[in-house]
C-alpha atoms as a PDB file:
ATOM      1  CA  MET A   1     -63.400 -21.951  22.897  1.00  0.00           C
ATOM      2  CA  THR A   2     -62.058 -22.538  26.402  1.00  0.00           C
ATOM      3  CA  ASN A   3     -61.716 -19.349  28.422  1.00  0.00           C
ATOM      4  CA  VAL A   4     -58.356 -19.399  30.197  1.00  0.00           C
ATOM      5  CA  GLY A   5     -57.400 -17.139  33.066  1.00  0.00           C
ATOM      6  CA  ILE A   6     -55.854 -16.946  36.511  1.00  0.00           C
ATOM      7  CA  LEU A   7     -57.453 -19.076  39.212  1.00  0.00           C
ATOM      8  CA  GLY A   8     -55.188 -18.028  42.066  1.00  0.00           C
ATOM      9  CA  MET A   9     -52.283 -15.724  42.885  1.00  0.00           C
ATOM     10  CA  GLY A  10     -49.507 -15.837  45.460  1.00  0.00           C
ATOM     11  CA  SER A  11     -46.278 -13.976  46.106  1.00  0.00           C
ATOM     12  CA  TYR A  12     -43.314 -13.763  48.422  1.00  0.00           C
ATOM     13  CA  ALA A  13     -41.056 -10.831  49.321  1.00  0.00           C
ATOM     14  CA  PRO A  14     -38.077 -11.534  51.623  1.00  0.00           C
ATOM     15  CA  GLU A  15     -38.017  -9.943  55.066  1.00  0.00           C
ATOM     16  CA  LYS A  16     -34.662  -8.181  54.683  1.00  0.00           C
ATOM     17  CA  VAL A  17     -35.249  -4.553  53.646  1.00  0.00           C
ATOM     18  CA  PHE A  18     -32.341  -2.652  52.063  1.00  0.00           C
ATOM     19  CA  THR A  19     -33.040   1.067  51.720  1.00  0.00           C
ATOM     20  CA  ASN A  20     -31.515   3.820  49.637  1.00  0.00           C
ATOM     21  CA  PHE A  21     -29.875   5.094  52.818  1.00  0.00           C
ATOM     22  CA  ASP A  22     -28.139   1.732  53.161  1.00  0.00           C
ATOM     23  CA  PHE A  23     -26.696   2.250  49.674  1.00  0.00           C
ATOM     24  CA  GLU A  24     -25.454   5.696  50.699  1.00  0.00           C
ATOM     25  CA  LYS A  25     -23.108   3.885  53.097  1.00  0.00           C
ATOM     26  CA  ILE A  26     -21.437   1.759  50.408  1.00  0.00           C
ATOM     27  CA  LEU A  27     -21.759   3.738  47.160  1.00  0.00           C
ATOM     28  CA  ASP A  28     -21.348   7.311  45.966  1.00  0.00           C
ATOM     29  CA  THR A  29     -25.101   7.875  45.642  1.00  0.00           C
ATOM     30  CA  SER A  30     -28.035   9.376  47.540  1.00  0.00           C
ATOM     31  CA  ASP A  31     -31.595   8.551  48.455  1.00  0.00           C
ATOM     32  CA  GLU A  32     -32.778  11.659  46.615  1.00  0.00           C
ATOM     33  CA  TRP A  33     -31.002  10.708  43.362  1.00  0.00           C
ATOM     34  CA  ILE A  34     -32.227   7.100  43.418  1.00  0.00           C
ATOM     35  CA  ARG A  35     -35.836   8.108  44.079  1.00  0.00           C
ATOM     36  CA  GLU A  36     -35.778  10.809  41.405  1.00  0.00           C
ATOM     37  CA  MET A  37     -34.202   8.618  38.718  1.00  0.00           C
ATOM     38  CA  THR A  38     -35.931   5.302  39.456  1.00  0.00           C
ATOM     39  CA  GLY A  39     -38.785   5.709  41.941  1.00  0.00           C
ATOM     40  CA  ILE A  40     -37.176   3.102  44.210  1.00  0.00           C
ATOM     41  CA  GLU A  41     -37.029   3.694  47.962  1.00  0.00           C
ATOM     42  CA  GLU A  42     -36.202   0.202  49.176  1.00  0.00           C
ATOM     43  CA  ARG A  43     -35.877  -3.378  47.977  1.00  0.00           C
ATOM     44  CA  ARG A  44     -35.843  -6.854  49.561  1.00  0.00           C
ATOM     45  CA  PHE A  45     -32.818  -9.152  49.809  1.00  0.00           C
ATOM     46  CA  ALA A  46     -33.260 -12.912  50.179  1.00  0.00           C
ATOM     47  CA  GLU A  47     -29.935 -13.446  51.996  1.00  0.00           C
ATOM     48  CA  ASP A  48     -29.789 -17.175  52.951  1.00  0.00           C
ATOM     49  CA  MET A  49     -32.864 -18.122  50.900  1.00  0.00           C
ATOM     50  CA  ASP A  50     -32.386 -19.198  47.307  1.00  0.00           C
ATOM     51  CA  THR A  51     -34.506 -18.879  44.193  1.00  0.00           C
ATOM     52  CA  SER A  52     -36.411 -22.138  44.607  1.00  0.00           C
ATOM     53  CA  ASP A  53     -37.171 -21.347  48.274  1.00  0.00           C
ATOM     54  CA  MET A  54     -38.978 -18.150  47.268  1.00  0.00           C
ATOM     55  CA  ALA A  55     -40.651 -19.856  44.320  1.00  0.00           C
ATOM     56  CA  LEU A  56     -42.028 -22.603  46.540  1.00  0.00           C
ATOM     57  CA  ILE A  57     -43.638 -20.169  48.992  1.00  0.00           C
ATOM     58  CA  ALA A  58     -45.271 -18.141  46.195  1.00  0.00           C
ATOM     59  CA  ALA A  59     -46.446 -21.358  44.497  1.00  0.00           C
ATOM     60  CA  GLU A  60     -48.033 -22.738  47.658  1.00  0.00           C
ATOM     61  CA  ARG A  61     -49.854 -19.460  48.239  1.00  0.00           C
ATOM     62  CA  ALA A  62     -51.142 -19.375  44.653  1.00  0.00           C
ATOM     63  CA  ILE A  63     -52.426 -22.946  44.871  1.00  0.00           C
ATOM     64  CA  GLU A  64     -54.163 -22.202  48.166  1.00  0.00           C
ATOM     65  CA  ASP A  65     -55.734 -19.063  46.685  1.00  0.00           C
ATOM     66  CA  SER A  66     -56.970 -20.991  43.633  1.00  0.00           C
ATOM     67  CA  GLY A  67     -59.107 -23.295  45.729  1.00  0.00           C
ATOM     68  CA  ILE A  68     -57.906 -26.401  43.910  1.00  0.00           C
ATOM     69  CA  SER A  69     -55.819 -29.248  45.265  1.00  0.00           C
ATOM     70  CA  LYS A  70     -52.124 -29.222  44.495  1.00  0.00           C
ATOM     71  CA  ASP A  71     -52.706 -32.689  43.012  1.00  0.00           C
ATOM     72  CA  ASP A  72     -54.727 -30.983  40.267  1.00  0.00           C
ATOM     73  CA  ILE A  73     -51.641 -29.107  39.023  1.00  0.00           C
ATOM     74  CA  ASP A  74     -50.523 -30.877  35.847  1.00  0.00           C
ATOM     75  CA  PHE A  75     -47.725 -28.602  34.545  1.00  0.00           C
ATOM     76  CA  VAL A  76     -45.152 -26.302  36.173  1.00  0.00           C
ATOM     77  CA  VAL A  77     -43.545 -23.365  34.351  1.00  0.00           C
ATOM     78  CA  VAL A  78     -40.963 -21.186  36.101  1.00  0.00           C
ATOM     79  CA  ALA A  79     -39.629 -17.941  34.670  1.00  0.00           C
ATOM     80  CA  THR A  80     -36.212 -17.143  36.133  1.00  0.00           C
ATOM     81  CA  SER A  81     -32.685 -16.061  35.271  1.00  0.00           C
ATOM     82  CA  THR A  82     -31.186 -17.044  38.622  1.00  0.00           C
ATOM     83  CA  GLY A  83     -31.731 -20.736  39.263  1.00  0.00           C
ATOM     84  CA  GLU A  84     -29.400 -22.457  41.711  1.00  0.00           C
ATOM     85  CA  HIS A  85     -28.094 -24.784  38.994  1.00  0.00           C
ATOM     86  CA  LYS A  86     -27.947 -25.115  35.235  1.00  0.00           C
ATOM     87  CA  PHE A  87     -30.020 -28.208  35.936  1.00  0.00           C
ATOM     88  CA  PRO A  88     -32.057 -29.454  37.685  1.00  0.00           C
ATOM     89  CA  THR A  89     -34.263 -26.450  37.059  1.00  0.00           C
ATOM     90  CA  VAL A  90     -36.150 -24.428  39.645  1.00  0.00           C
ATOM     91  CA  ALA A  91     -39.323 -25.956  38.177  1.00  0.00           C
ATOM     92  CA  ASN A  92     -37.919 -29.450  38.819  1.00  0.00           C
ATOM     93  CA  THR A  93     -37.121 -28.503  42.398  1.00  0.00           C
ATOM     94  CA  ILE A  94     -40.503 -27.060  43.322  1.00  0.00           C
ATOM     95  CA  GLN A  95     -42.328 -29.835  41.463  1.00  0.00           C
ATOM     96  CA  ASP A  96     -40.573 -32.290  43.759  1.00  0.00           C
ATOM     97  CA  LYS A  97     -41.146 -30.238  46.928  1.00  0.00           C
ATOM     98  CA  LEU A  98     -44.835 -29.842  46.097  1.00  0.00           C
ATOM     99  CA  GLY A  99     -45.103 -33.604  45.653  1.00  0.00           C
ATOM    100  CA  LEU A 100     -46.319 -33.396  42.052  1.00  0.00           C
ATOM    101  CA  LYS A 101     -45.302 -36.813  40.766  1.00  0.00           C
ATOM    102  CA  ASN A 102     -44.373 -37.085  37.064  1.00  0.00           C
ATOM    103  CA  VAL A 103     -45.826 -33.657  36.255  1.00  0.00           C
ATOM    104  CA  PRO A 104     -43.847 -31.919  33.452  1.00  0.00           C
ATOM    105  CA  SER A 105     -41.844 -28.929  34.616  1.00  0.00           C
ATOM    106  CA  VAL A 106     -39.667 -26.436  32.776  1.00  0.00           C
ATOM    107  CA  ASP A 107     -37.807 -23.165  33.320  1.00  0.00           C
ATOM    108  CA  GLN A 108     -38.207 -20.366  30.772  1.00  0.00           C
ATOM    109  CA  LEU A 109     -35.572 -17.661  30.430  1.00  0.00           C
ATOM    110  CA  ALA A 110     -36.820 -14.374  29.025  1.00  0.00           C
ATOM    111  CA  ALA A 111     -35.416 -12.211  31.842  1.00  0.00           C
ATOM    112  CA  CYS A 112     -37.899  -9.606  33.098  1.00  0.00           C
ATOM    113  CA  SER A 113     -40.445 -10.627  30.434  1.00  0.00           C
ATOM    114  CA  GLY A 114     -40.411 -14.209  31.671  1.00  0.00           C
ATOM    115  CA  PHE A 115     -43.704 -14.249  33.567  1.00  0.00           C
ATOM    116  CA  ILE A 116     -45.567 -12.943  30.506  1.00  0.00           C
ATOM    117  CA  TYR A 117     -43.974 -15.680  28.382  1.00  0.00           C
ATOM    118  CA  GLY A 118     -45.013 -18.250  30.987  1.00  0.00           C
ATOM    119  CA  LEU A 119     -48.565 -16.940  31.162  1.00  0.00           C
ATOM    120  CA  ALA A 120     -48.942 -17.017  27.376  1.00  0.00           C
ATOM    121  CA  SER A 121     -47.488 -20.539  27.200  1.00  0.00           C
ATOM    122  CA  ALA A 122     -49.855 -21.744  29.915  1.00  0.00           C
ATOM    123  CA  GLU A 123     -52.866 -20.289  28.139  1.00  0.00           C
ATOM    124  CA  MET A 124     -51.997 -22.150  24.948  1.00  0.00           C
ATOM    125  CA  PHE A 125     -51.353 -25.419  26.809  1.00  0.00           C
ATOM    126  CA  VAL A 126     -54.746 -25.241  28.538  1.00  0.00           C
ATOM    127  CA  LYS A 127     -56.531 -24.313  25.305  1.00  0.00           C
ATOM    128  CA  SER A 128     -54.957 -27.355  23.657  1.00  0.00           C
ATOM    129  CA  GLY A 129     -56.967 -29.532  26.030  1.00  0.00           C
ATOM    130  CA  ARG A 130     -53.878 -31.474  27.097  1.00  0.00           C
ATOM    131  CA  TYR A 131     -53.465 -29.729  30.473  1.00  0.00           C
ATOM    132  CA  LYS A 132     -55.990 -28.209  32.878  1.00  0.00           C
ATOM    133  CA  ASN A 133     -54.221 -26.383  35.706  1.00  0.00           C
ATOM    134  CA  ILE A 134     -50.776 -24.923  35.154  1.00  0.00           C
ATOM    135  CA  LEU A 135     -48.595 -23.340  37.816  1.00  0.00           C
ATOM    136  CA  VAL A 136     -46.665 -20.338  36.475  1.00  0.00           C
ATOM    137  CA  VAL A 137     -44.004 -18.790  38.703  1.00  0.00           C
ATOM    138  CA  GLY A 138     -41.902 -15.690  38.144  1.00  0.00           C
ATOM    139  CA  VAL A 139     -38.946 -15.609  40.524  1.00  0.00           C
ATOM    140  CA  ASP A 140     -35.492 -14.101  40.723  1.00  0.00           C
ATOM    141  CA  LYS A 141     -32.748 -13.662  43.264  1.00  0.00           C
ATOM    142  CA  LEU A 142     -31.026 -10.805  41.494  1.00  0.00           C
ATOM    143  CA  THR A 143     -28.701 -10.125  44.406  1.00  0.00           C
ATOM    144  CA  LYS A 144     -26.762 -13.194  43.206  1.00  0.00           C
ATOM    145  CA  ILE A 145     -25.896 -11.479  39.926  1.00  0.00           C
ATOM    146  CA  THR A 146     -25.711  -7.836  41.009  1.00  0.00           C
ATOM    147  CA  ASP A 147     -22.352  -6.076  41.065  1.00  0.00           C
ATOM    148  CA  PHE A 148     -22.588  -3.995  44.238  1.00  0.00           C
ATOM    149  CA  GLU A 149     -19.673  -1.860  43.102  1.00  0.00           C
ATOM    150  CA  ASP A 150     -21.545  -0.763  39.959  1.00  0.00           C
ATOM    151  CA  ARG A 151     -23.558   2.293  41.000  1.00  0.00           C
ATOM    152  CA  SER A 152     -25.593   2.337  37.784  1.00  0.00           C
ATOM    153  CA  THR A 153     -27.163  -1.086  38.418  1.00  0.00           C
ATOM    154  CA  ALA A 154     -26.679  -1.996  42.086  1.00  0.00           C
ATOM    155  CA  VAL A 155     -29.442   0.290  43.375  1.00  0.00           C
ATOM    156  CA  LEU A 156     -32.060  -1.133  41.006  1.00  0.00           C
ATOM    157  CA  PHE A 157     -32.500  -4.759  41.929  1.00  0.00           C
ATOM    158  CA  GLY A 158     -34.201  -6.847  44.585  1.00  0.00           C
ATOM    159  CA  ASP A 159     -35.367 -10.413  45.185  1.00  0.00           C
ATOM    160  CA  GLY A 160     -38.860 -11.858  45.129  1.00  0.00           C
ATOM    161  CA  ALA A 161     -41.373 -14.314  43.688  1.00  0.00           C
ATOM    162  CA  GLY A 162     -44.898 -14.312  42.308  1.00  0.00           C
ATOM    163  CA  ALA A 163     -47.042 -17.215  41.112  1.00  0.00           C
ATOM    164  CA  ALA A 164     -50.311 -17.880  39.330  1.00  0.00           C
ATOM    165  CA  VAL A 165     -52.444 -20.957  38.770  1.00  0.00           C
ATOM    166  CA  VAL A 166     -53.769 -20.832  35.210  1.00  0.00           C
ATOM    167  CA  GLY A 167     -56.850 -22.754  34.137  1.00  0.00           C
ATOM    168  CA  GLU A 168     -60.357 -22.565  32.735  1.00  0.00           C
ATOM    169  CA  VAL A 169     -62.518 -19.622  33.840  1.00  0.00           C
ATOM    170  CA  ASP A 170     -66.074 -18.549  33.089  1.00  0.00           C
ATOM    171  CA  GLU A 171     -67.096 -17.099  29.748  1.00  0.00           C
ATOM    172  CA  GLY A 172     -66.206 -13.438  29.419  1.00  0.00           C
ATOM    173  CA  PHE A 173     -63.246 -13.670  31.768  1.00  0.00           C
ATOM    174  CA  GLY A 174     -59.585 -14.598  31.368  1.00  0.00           C
ATOM    175  CA  ILE A 175     -56.854 -13.824  28.856  1.00  0.00           C
ATOM    176  CA  LYS A 176     -58.113 -11.904  25.829  1.00  0.00           C
ATOM    177  CA  SER A 177     -54.873 -11.355  23.935  1.00  0.00           C
ATOM    178  CA  PHE A 178     -51.100 -11.457  24.267  1.00  0.00           C
ATOM    179  CA  GLU A 179     -48.007 -10.290  22.430  1.00  0.00           C
ATOM    180  CA  LEU A 180     -44.475 -11.662  22.671  1.00  0.00           C
ATOM    181  CA  GLY A 181     -41.336 -10.448  20.951  1.00  0.00           C
ATOM    182  CA  SER A 182     -37.581 -10.258  21.020  1.00  0.00           C
ATOM    183  CA  LYS A 183     -34.751  -8.310  19.434  1.00  0.00           C
ATOM    184  CA  GLY A 184     -31.526 -10.250  19.736  1.00  0.00           C
ATOM    185  CA  SER A 185     -29.469  -7.435  18.263  1.00  0.00           C
ATOM    186  CA  GLY A 186     -30.230  -5.444  21.425  1.00  0.00           C
ATOM    187  CA  GLY A 187     -28.877  -8.109  23.746  1.00  0.00           C
ATOM    188  CA  LYS A 188     -25.628  -6.191  24.045  1.00  0.00           C
ATOM    189  CA  TYR A 189     -27.472  -3.476  25.970  1.00  0.00           C
ATOM    190  CA  LEU A 190     -28.646  -5.690  28.851  1.00  0.00           C
ATOM    191  CA  TYR A 191     -26.894  -8.962  29.650  1.00  0.00           C
ATOM    192  CA  GLY A 192     -25.023 -11.061  32.189  1.00  0.00           C
ATOM    193  CA  ASP A 193     -21.256 -10.810  31.763  1.00  0.00           C
ATOM    194  CA  LYS A 194     -19.259 -13.941  31.004  1.00  0.00           C
ATOM    195  CA  GLU A 195     -16.852 -13.638  33.927  1.00  0.00           C
ATOM    196  CA  LYS A 196     -19.205 -13.555  36.930  1.00  0.00           C
ATOM    197  CA  GLY A 197     -22.654 -13.382  35.371  1.00  0.00           C
ATOM    198  CA  TYR A 198     -23.165  -9.882  36.740  1.00  0.00           C
ATOM    199  CA  ILE A 199     -25.891  -7.743  35.190  1.00  0.00           C
ATOM    200  CA  ARG A 200     -24.494  -5.186  32.748  1.00  0.00           C
ATOM    201  CA  MET A 201     -26.664  -2.501  31.220  1.00  0.00           C
ATOM    202  CA  ASN A 202     -26.471   0.400  28.817  1.00  0.00           C
ATOM    203  CA  GLY A 203     -29.060   2.481  30.626  1.00  0.00           C
ATOM    204  CA  ARG A 204     -29.640   4.994  27.840  1.00  0.00           C
ATOM    205  CA  GLU A 205     -30.345   2.370  25.171  1.00  0.00           C
ATOM    206  CA  VAL A 206     -32.502   0.215  27.445  1.00  0.00           C
ATOM    207  CA  PHE A 207     -34.516   3.268  28.474  1.00  0.00           C
ATOM    208  CA  LYS A 208     -35.229   4.231  24.852  1.00  0.00           C
ATOM    209  CA  PHE A 209     -36.226   0.683  23.945  1.00  0.00           C
ATOM    210  CA  ALA A 210     -38.426   0.179  27.010  1.00  0.00           C
ATOM    211  CA  VAL A 211     -40.283   3.479  26.714  1.00  0.00           C
ATOM    212  CA  ARG A 212     -41.255   2.721  23.122  1.00  0.00           C
ATOM    213  CA  GLN A 213     -41.966  -0.997  23.468  1.00  0.00           C
ATOM    214  CA  MET A 214     -43.924  -0.955  26.745  1.00  0.00           C
ATOM    215  CA  GLY A 215     -46.338   1.654  25.430  1.00  0.00           C
ATOM    216  CA  GLU A 216     -46.673   0.081  21.993  1.00  0.00           C
ATOM    217  CA  SER A 217     -47.281  -3.434  23.300  1.00  0.00           C
ATOM    218  CA  SER A 218     -49.829  -2.218  25.870  1.00  0.00           C
ATOM    219  CA  VAL A 219     -51.867  -0.563  23.128  1.00  0.00           C
ATOM    220  CA  ASN A 220     -51.474  -3.570  20.802  1.00  0.00           C
ATOM    221  CA  VAL A 221     -52.918  -6.124  23.242  1.00  0.00           C
ATOM    222  CA  THR A 222     -55.714  -3.765  24.248  1.00  0.00           C
ATOM    223  CA  GLU A 223     -56.791  -3.352  20.639  1.00  0.00           C
ATOM    224  CA  ALA A 224     -56.360  -7.087  19.925  1.00  0.00           C
ATOM    225  CA  ALA A 225     -58.759  -7.783  22.803  1.00  0.00           C
ATOM    226  CA  GLY A 226     -61.363  -5.582  21.152  1.00  0.00           C
ATOM    227  CA  LEU A 227     -61.057  -2.939  23.853  1.00  0.00           C
ATOM    228  CA  SER A 228     -60.126   0.720  23.944  1.00  0.00           C
ATOM    229  CA  THR A 229     -57.674   2.202  26.398  1.00  0.00           C
ATOM    230  CA  GLU A 230     -60.662   3.764  28.189  1.00  0.00           C
ATOM    231  CA  ASP A 231     -61.792   0.208  29.010  1.00  0.00           C
ATOM    232  CA  ILE A 232     -58.587  -0.602  30.921  1.00  0.00           C
ATOM    233  CA  ASP A 233     -58.996  -0.543  34.694  1.00  0.00           C
ATOM    234  CA  MET A 234     -55.408  -1.336  35.680  1.00  0.00           C
ATOM    235  CA  LEU A 235     -52.007  -1.276  33.979  1.00  0.00           C
ATOM    236  CA  ILE A 236     -49.435  -3.518  35.644  1.00  0.00           C
ATOM    237  CA  PRO A 237     -46.064  -2.781  34.055  1.00  0.00           C
ATOM    238  CA  HIS A 238     -42.733  -4.383  34.818  1.00  0.00           C
ATOM    239  CA  GLN A 239     -41.471  -2.443  37.833  1.00  0.00           C
ATOM    240  CA  ALA A 240     -38.120  -1.373  36.415  1.00  0.00           C
ATOM    241  CA  ASN A 241     -38.152   2.398  36.607  1.00  0.00           C
ATOM    242  CA  ILE A 242     -40.972   4.821  37.393  1.00  0.00           C
ATOM    243  CA  ARG A 243     -40.115   6.990  34.392  1.00  0.00           C
ATOM    244  CA  ILE A 244     -40.427   4.059  31.991  1.00  0.00           C
ATOM    245  CA  MET A 245     -43.650   2.963  33.688  1.00  0.00           C
ATOM    246  CA  ASN A 246     -45.149   6.436  33.415  1.00  0.00           C
ATOM    247  CA  ALA A 247     -44.248   6.615  29.722  1.00  0.00           C
ATOM    248  CA  ALA A 248     -46.241   3.424  29.078  1.00  0.00           C
ATOM    249  CA  ARG A 249     -49.150   4.756  31.112  1.00  0.00           C
ATOM    250  CA  GLU A 250     -49.154   8.061  29.248  1.00  0.00           C
ATOM    251  CA  ARG A 251     -49.024   6.243  25.898  1.00  0.00           C
ATOM    252  CA  MET A 252     -52.295   4.565  26.914  1.00  0.00           C
ATOM    253  CA  GLY A 253     -53.791   7.789  28.234  1.00  0.00           C
ATOM    254  CA  LEU A 254     -54.403   6.338  31.689  1.00  0.00           C
ATOM    255  CA  PRO A 255     -54.396   8.328  34.933  1.00  0.00           C
ATOM    256  CA  TYR A 256     -51.708   7.562  37.500  1.00  0.00           C
ATOM    257  CA  ASP A 257     -54.155   5.826  39.840  1.00  0.00           C
ATOM    258  CA  LYS A 258     -54.812   3.159  37.193  1.00  0.00           C
ATOM    259  CA  MET A 259     -51.186   1.991  37.219  1.00  0.00           C
ATOM    260  CA  SER A 260     -49.737  -0.447  39.718  1.00  0.00           C
ATOM    261  CA  VAL A 261     -46.668   0.976  41.457  1.00  0.00           C
ATOM    262  CA  THR A 262     -44.637  -1.314  43.709  1.00  0.00           C
ATOM    263  CA  VAL A 263     -41.180  -0.352  42.447  1.00  0.00           C
ATOM    264  CA  ASP A 264     -40.804   1.918  45.483  1.00  0.00           C
ATOM    265  CA  LYS A 265     -41.203  -1.082  47.821  1.00  0.00           C
ATOM    266  CA  TYR A 266     -39.465  -3.914  45.953  1.00  0.00           C
ATOM    267  CA  GLY A 267     -37.251  -2.397  43.259  1.00  0.00           C
ATOM    268  CA  ASN A 268     -36.775  -4.365  40.039  1.00  0.00           C
ATOM    269  CA  THR A 269     -37.340  -8.064  40.782  1.00  0.00           C
ATOM    270  CA  SER A 270     -37.124  -9.167  37.127  1.00  0.00           C
ATOM    271  CA  ALA A 271     -39.454 -12.115  36.377  1.00  0.00           C
ATOM    272  CA  ALA A 272     -41.136 -11.696  39.772  1.00  0.00           C
ATOM    273  CA  SER A 273     -42.002  -8.061  39.160  1.00  0.00           C
ATOM    274  CA  ILE A 274     -45.357  -8.398  37.378  1.00  0.00           C
ATOM    275  CA  PRO A 275     -46.890 -11.250  39.427  1.00  0.00           C
ATOM    276  CA  LEU A 276     -45.663  -9.642  42.654  1.00  0.00           C
ATOM    277  CA  SER A 277     -47.433  -6.419  41.662  1.00  0.00           C
ATOM    278  CA  LEU A 278     -50.585  -8.196  40.474  1.00  0.00           C
ATOM    279  CA  ASP A 279     -50.875 -10.084  43.756  1.00  0.00           C
ATOM    280  CA  TYR A 280     -50.236  -6.874  45.703  1.00  0.00           C
ATOM    281  CA  GLU A 281     -53.094  -5.070  43.935  1.00  0.00           C
ATOM    282  CA  ILE A 282     -55.478  -8.007  44.407  1.00  0.00           C
ATOM    283  CA  LYS A 283     -54.684  -8.266  48.110  1.00  0.00           C
ATOM    284  CA  ASN A 284     -55.268  -4.517  48.478  1.00  0.00           C
ATOM    285  CA  ASN A 285     -58.686  -4.783  46.789  1.00  0.00           C
ATOM    286  CA  ARG A 286     -57.748  -2.624  43.807  1.00  0.00           C
ATOM    287  CA  ILE A 287     -58.775  -5.324  41.332  1.00  0.00           C
ATOM    288  CA  LYS A 288     -62.271  -6.830  41.187  1.00  0.00           C
ATOM    289  CA  ALA A 289     -64.122  -9.296  38.971  1.00  0.00           C
ATOM    290  CA  GLY A 290     -64.741  -7.848  35.520  1.00  0.00           C
ATOM    291  CA  ASP A 291     -61.792  -5.448  35.573  1.00  0.00           C
ATOM    292  CA  ASN A 292     -59.745  -5.279  32.382  1.00  0.00           C
ATOM    293  CA  ILE A 293     -56.029  -5.484  33.107  1.00  0.00           C
ATOM    294  CA  VAL A 294     -52.913  -5.064  30.954  1.00  0.00           C
ATOM    295  CA  LEU A 295     -49.672  -6.729  32.061  1.00  0.00           C
ATOM    296  CA  VAL A 296     -46.589  -5.572  30.156  1.00  0.00           C
ATOM    297  CA  GLY A 297     -42.863  -6.124  30.523  1.00  0.00           C
ATOM    298  CA  PHE A 298     -39.482  -5.950  28.849  1.00  0.00           C
ATOM    299  CA  GLY A 299     -36.166  -7.551  29.645  1.00  0.00           C
ATOM    300  CA  GLY A 300     -32.715  -8.674  28.616  1.00  0.00           C
ATOM    301  CA  GLY A 301     -32.514 -10.389  25.270  1.00  0.00           C
ATOM    302  CA  LEU A 302     -33.956  -7.943  24.427  1.00  0.00           C
ATOM    303  CA  THR A 303     -37.429  -9.371  25.050  1.00  0.00           C
ATOM    304  CA  TRP A 304     -40.906  -8.025  25.607  1.00  0.00           C
ATOM    305  CA  GLY A 305     -44.406  -9.253  26.235  1.00  0.00           C
ATOM    306  CA  ALA A 306     -47.887  -8.077  27.136  1.00  0.00           C
ATOM    307  CA  VAL A 307     -51.201  -9.665  28.124  1.00  0.00           C
ATOM    308  CA  CYS A 308     -54.700  -8.217  28.258  1.00  0.00           C
ATOM    309  CA  LEU A 309     -57.112 -10.088  30.519  1.00  0.00           C
ATOM    310  CA  THR A 310     -60.439  -9.676  32.253  1.00  0.00           C
ATOM    311  CA  TRP A 311     -60.114 -10.578  35.914  1.00  0.00           C
ATOM    312  CA  GLY A 312     -62.349 -13.359  37.179  1.00  0.00           C
ATOM    313  CA  LYS A 313     -62.250 -17.007  38.176  1.00  0.00           C
ATOM    314  CA  ARG A 314     -64.724 -19.859  38.001  1.00  0.00           C
ATOM    315  CA  ARG A 315     -68.200 -18.778  39.059  1.00  0.00           C
ATOM    316  CA  ARG A 316     -68.110 -20.655  42.342  1.00  0.00           C
ATOM    317  CA  THR A 317     -65.070 -18.665  43.460  1.00  0.00           C
ATOM    318  CA  LEU A 318     -65.522 -15.560  41.318  1.00  0.00           C
ATOM    319  CA  ARG A 319     -64.217 -12.326  42.777  1.00  0.00           C
END
């Protein structure tokens, strides 16, 4: 069996920082309340950049990190809820800007779970033998669909992008298991409204769902990979809310220092959240070859997904 994993990672966070103190100026809220309830201290706003602009930067960085030529990319998958158009897709746009002639490209919409869906899809495509190197991007410009008069949601969201090149890796490394799921009956709790597309959320119901599902899915993929929770070196949860993240960590019995936390820096960036965090931990040398990692997320739909993988590339570039 072909071993499929991540050959390269890249990410992009916009330069504009918007802090909790900035929100104090426009909403009836406080830095203390936001930090206590969510763990967020600041987030990034893309301003004049659009979704495909961020996606392109993250994609180029992932390809460079992979050590392969961009001409070796033979499929592009983009997870996003905030493309510039209904069509062409963000994947179409970055395929063109990367100069990838006639390479298939598609957007997937699973909200904050989107990158996990893309990663699982890429693994299956590579294992089929039809494709070799697949670019998977998670990107969202949530400021386009955030109602800045809604205190319950406005403080949560930021913009960003993360990308991975998925392909064959050495034996013993790569994706070991994944789980995907959805519960359409829960869509009413987290959705984009029909009038302006603004994010609307029933915080209580989403919290209950996320706490249960994130922990359950993390354990499921760990066991499916033939591992115990003691074998997990890093949990990278969707960076939605520190309380939800801690609940998933506690369900796995992991110490705090084995969980990636970037929600304080970037807020909830939806489909970008997990790859942005994964790239952050790699760049800060907190992940090394042979580490067992669980990626887990949930999102509107309601959707969820998790992946268990052993970090490592091809031997010639293994790290």
